[in-house]
Structures are given as C-alpha cells and as structure tokens.
Amino acid sequence: MKIIDFAKKMDLYQLYDSKDDIEIEGVYIGDLLSIVMSKAKMNYAWITIQTHVNIVAVAELLDLSCIIVVEDMEVEQETIEKAKEHGIPLYKSKESAYETACRLQSMGIK
C-alpha cells in the first residue's frame, strides 16, 4: 500500500507527510529503540509512543516507511523538524498501538 492512501484511510494527524510515494510492506510495534533496530524491516510502518528525536534516526537507519506516534503523545518540535530534514513521514494518532495495529491489519498491512 502506498503511504498517501494509507494516511488518508487511517485518518492520521500528519506531523510531516512526505511527497514521495512510499510503499508500506509491513508494520512493527515497539518502544525500545535497540529492539526496534534489531526487529523492524525496511518499508515497515513503525508504531511507537516514543517522541524523542532519535526515533527519526532509527527510521532513517532502517529505511522505514513512516513513524506513527500513538496514544496522542505530544511530539517534540525537534523531532518533527528532524523528520522533515530526513524525509521520514511522521504521523500521530489518538488510538492505542493495539487499535492502530488492528486498523493496519484490516487494510492488509501485517
């Protein structure tokens, strides 16, 4: 699924939305950066409650499709600016990680 379609269908709040047509091939849920680095895969959407600027570095390192911050967590402005700088789509949701993951699965993203 392409990220443009994905963001609209998920009704995500866009903190930064890339203009690139990025493919989403899977999803990973996690908050401990070292575990995310060892488990998430290229072109995955990453669901987390982490908001620190380092999430952008992890997403860039792994070539993740996007970051979805859940639970209506407040995202630091520095993180948003870093996402823009590196072209990493960054979204926010009021839903829990579980609810977000269920919606992704219903869209065929596992």
C-alpha atoms as a PDB file:
ATOM      1  CA  MET A   1       0.000   0.000   0.000  1.00  0.00           C
ATOM      2  CA  LYS A   2       1.244   3.478  -0.825  1.00  0.00           C
ATOM      3  CA  ILE A   3       1.700   5.927   2.021  1.00  0.00           C
ATOM      4  CA  ILE A   4      -0.614   8.556   0.546  1.00  0.00           C
ATOM      5  CA  ASP A   5      -3.561   6.154   0.571  1.00  0.00           C
ATOM      6  CA  PHE A   6      -2.545   4.786   3.937  1.00  0.00           C
ATOM      7  CA  ALA A   7      -2.540   8.109   5.794  1.00  0.00           C
ATOM      8  CA  LYS A   8      -5.981   9.068   4.469  1.00  0.00           C
ATOM      9  CA  LYS A   9      -7.560   5.715   5.289  1.00  0.00           C
ATOM     10  CA  MET A  10      -6.056   5.668   8.776  1.00  0.00           C
ATOM     11  CA  ASP A  11      -7.243   9.234   9.480  1.00  0.00           C
ATOM     12  CA  LEU A  12      -3.848  10.066  10.937  1.00  0.00           C
ATOM     13  CA  TYR A  13      -2.797  13.537  12.016  1.00  0.00           C
ATOM     14  CA  GLN A  14       0.111  14.480   9.777  1.00  0.00           C
ATOM     15  CA  LEU A  15       3.070  15.980  11.599  1.00  0.00           C
ATOM     16  CA  TYR A  16       5.137  15.573   8.434  1.00  0.00           C
ATOM     17  CA  ASP A  17       3.922  13.893   5.263  1.00  0.00           C
ATOM     18  CA  SER A  18       6.444  13.106   2.566  1.00  0.00           C
ATOM     19  CA  LYS A  19       5.515  13.898  -1.011  1.00  0.00           C
ATOM     20  CA  ASP A  20       7.246  10.692  -2.108  1.00  0.00           C
ATOM     21  CA  ASP A  21       5.098   7.708  -2.983  1.00  0.00           C
ATOM     22  CA  ILE A  22       6.455   5.341  -0.347  1.00  0.00           C
ATOM     23  CA  GLU A  23       5.378   1.710  -0.161  1.00  0.00           C
ATOM     24  CA  ILE A  24       4.359   0.175   3.186  1.00  0.00           C
ATOM     25  CA  GLU A  25       5.065  -3.542   3.306  1.00  0.00           C
ATOM     26  CA  GLY A  26       4.601  -4.312   6.987  1.00  0.00           C
ATOM     27  CA  VAL A  27       4.351  -2.946  10.491  1.00  0.00           C
ATOM     28  CA  TYR A  28       6.397  -3.099  13.657  1.00  0.00           C
ATOM     29  CA  ILE A  29       5.273  -2.036  17.145  1.00  0.00           C
ATOM     30  CA  GLY A  30       7.871  -1.194  19.758  1.00  0.00           C
ATOM     31  CA  ASP A  31       9.255   1.483  22.020  1.00  0.00           C
ATOM     32  CA  LEU A  32      12.736   0.297  22.915  1.00  0.00           C
ATOM     33  CA  LEU A  33      14.955   1.672  20.157  1.00  0.00           C
ATOM     34  CA  SER A  34      17.535  -1.127  20.296  1.00  0.00           C
ATOM     35  CA  ILE A  35      14.828  -3.759  19.861  1.00  0.00           C
ATOM     36  CA  VAL A  36      13.229  -1.820  17.011  1.00  0.00           C
ATOM     37  CA  MET A  37      16.631  -1.640  15.303  1.00  0.00           C
ATOM     38  CA  SER A  38      17.000  -5.413  15.517  1.00  0.00           C
ATOM     39  CA  LYS A  39      13.427  -6.373  14.546  1.00  0.00           C
ATOM     40  CA  ALA A  40      11.854  -3.774  12.217  1.00  0.00           C
ATOM     41  CA  LYS A  41      12.433  -4.107   8.499  1.00  0.00           C
ATOM     42  CA  MET A  42      12.785  -1.814   5.528  1.00  0.00           C
ATOM     43  CA  ASN A  43       9.472  -0.318   4.314  1.00  0.00           C
ATOM     44  CA  TYR A  44       7.683  -1.052   7.583  1.00  0.00           C
ATOM     45  CA  ALA A  45       5.436   1.428   9.362  1.00  0.00           C
ATOM     46  CA  TRP A  46       6.623   1.828  12.961  1.00  0.00           C
ATOM     47  CA  ILE A  47       4.093   2.288  15.772  1.00  0.00           C
ATOM     48  CA  THR A  48       5.502   3.762  18.983  1.00  0.00           C
ATOM     49  CA  ILE A  49       4.836   6.046  21.925  1.00  0.00           C
ATOM     50  CA  GLN A  50       8.397   7.386  21.726  1.00  0.00           C
ATOM     51  CA  THR A  51       8.639  11.011  20.618  1.00  0.00           C
ATOM     52  CA  HIS A  52      12.322  11.791  21.054  1.00  0.00           C
ATOM     53  CA  VAL A  53      14.318  12.928  18.013  1.00  0.00           C
ATOM     54  CA  ASN A  54      16.169   9.597  17.993  1.00  0.00           C
ATOM     55  CA  ILE A  55      13.119   7.848  16.518  1.00  0.00           C
ATOM     56  CA  VAL A  56      13.825   9.640  13.246  1.00  0.00           C
ATOM     57  CA  ALA A  57      17.416   8.367  13.253  1.00  0.00           C
ATOM     58  CA  VAL A  58      16.188   4.796  13.760  1.00  0.00           C
ATOM     59  CA  ALA A  59      13.594   5.151  10.984  1.00  0.00           C
ATOM     60  CA  GLU A  60      16.202   6.528   8.621  1.00  0.00           C
ATOM     61  CA  LEU A  61      18.742   3.840   9.512  1.00  0.00           C
ATOM     62  CA  LEU A  62      16.248   1.078   8.718  1.00  0.00           C
ATOM     63  CA  ASP A  63      14.556   2.801   5.742  1.00  0.00           C
ATOM     64  CA  LEU A  64      11.192   2.578   7.475  1.00  0.00           C
ATOM     65  CA  SER A  65       8.164   3.876   5.576  1.00  0.00           C
ATOM     66  CA  CYS A  66       6.873   6.059   8.392  1.00  0.00           C
ATOM     67  CA  ILE A  67       6.538   6.575  12.133  1.00  0.00           C
ATOM     68  CA  ILE A  68       3.127   6.570  13.822  1.00  0.00           C
ATOM     69  CA  VAL A  69       3.137   8.027  17.332  1.00  0.00           C
ATOM     70  CA  VAL A  70       0.096   6.684  19.197  1.00  0.00           C
ATOM     71  CA  GLU A  71      -1.779   7.419  22.434  1.00  0.00           C
ATOM     72  CA  ASP A  72      -1.946  11.120  21.480  1.00  0.00           C
ATOM     73  CA  MET A  73       1.602  11.597  22.759  1.00  0.00           C
ATOM     74  CA  GLU A  74       2.993  15.109  22.366  1.00  0.00           C
ATOM     75  CA  VAL A  75       5.753  15.037  19.742  1.00  0.00           C
ATOM     76  CA  GLU A  76       8.707  17.315  20.295  1.00  0.00           C
ATOM     77  CA  GLN A  77       9.164  20.064  17.686  1.00  0.00           C
ATOM     78  CA  GLU A  78      12.783  18.979  17.258  1.00  0.00           C
ATOM     79  CA  THR A  79      11.538  15.525  16.227  1.00  0.00           C
ATOM     80  CA  ILE A  80       9.158  16.987  13.648  1.00  0.00           C
ATOM     81  CA  GLU A  81      11.927  19.160  12.215  1.00  0.00           C
ATOM     82  CA  LYS A  82      14.290  16.174  12.011  1.00  0.00           C
ATOM     83  CA  ALA A  83      11.611  14.129  10.215  1.00  0.00           C
ATOM     84  CA  LYS A  84      11.239  16.927   7.653  1.00  0.00           C
ATOM     85  CA  GLU A  85      15.005  17.174   7.251  1.00  0.00           C
ATOM     86  CA  HIS A  86      15.320  13.444   6.531  1.00  0.00           C
ATOM     87  CA  GLY A  87      12.050  12.946   4.645  1.00  0.00           C
ATOM     88  CA  ILE A  88      10.596  10.482   7.147  1.00  0.00           C
ATOM     89  CA  PRO A  89       6.765  10.687   7.240  1.00  0.00           C
ATOM     90  CA  LEU A  90       5.632  11.257  10.831  1.00  0.00           C
ATOM     91  CA  TYR A  91       2.032  10.802  11.950  1.00  0.00           C
ATOM     92  CA  LYS A  92       0.135  10.969  15.193  1.00  0.00           C
ATOM     93  CA  SER A  93      -2.919   9.035  16.367  1.00  0.00           C
ATOM     94  CA  LYS A  94      -5.165   9.237  19.401  1.00  0.00           C
ATOM     95  CA  GLU A  95      -5.619   5.477  19.210  1.00  0.00           C
ATOM     96  CA  SER A  96      -3.585   2.914  21.122  1.00  0.00           C
ATOM     97  CA  ALA A  97      -0.868   0.858  19.483  1.00  0.00           C
ATOM     98  CA  TYR A  98      -3.246  -2.122  19.510  1.00  0.00           C
ATOM     99  CA  GLU A  99      -6.090  -0.202  17.845  1.00  0.00           C
ATOM    100  CA  THR A 100      -3.709   1.219  15.250  1.00  0.00           C
ATOM    101  CA  ALA A 101      -2.272  -2.223  14.525  1.00  0.00           C
ATOM    102  CA  CYS A 102      -5.770  -3.683  14.118  1.00  0.00           C
ATOM    103  CA  ARG A 103      -6.634  -0.976  11.590  1.00  0.00           C
ATOM    104  CA  LEU A 104      -3.425  -1.676   9.675  1.00  0.00           C
ATOM    105  CA  GLN A 105      -4.224  -5.371   9.581  1.00  0.00           C
ATOM    106  CA  SER A 106      -7.729  -4.669   8.262  1.00  0.00           C
ATOM    107  CA  MET A 107      -6.021  -2.766   5.426  1.00  0.00           C
ATOM    108  CA  GLY A 108      -3.852  -5.758   4.623  1.00  0.00           C
ATOM    109  CA  ILE A 109      -0.679  -4.455   6.259  1.00  0.00           C
ATOM    110  CA  LYS A 110       0.779  -7.066   8.628  1.00  0.00           C
END
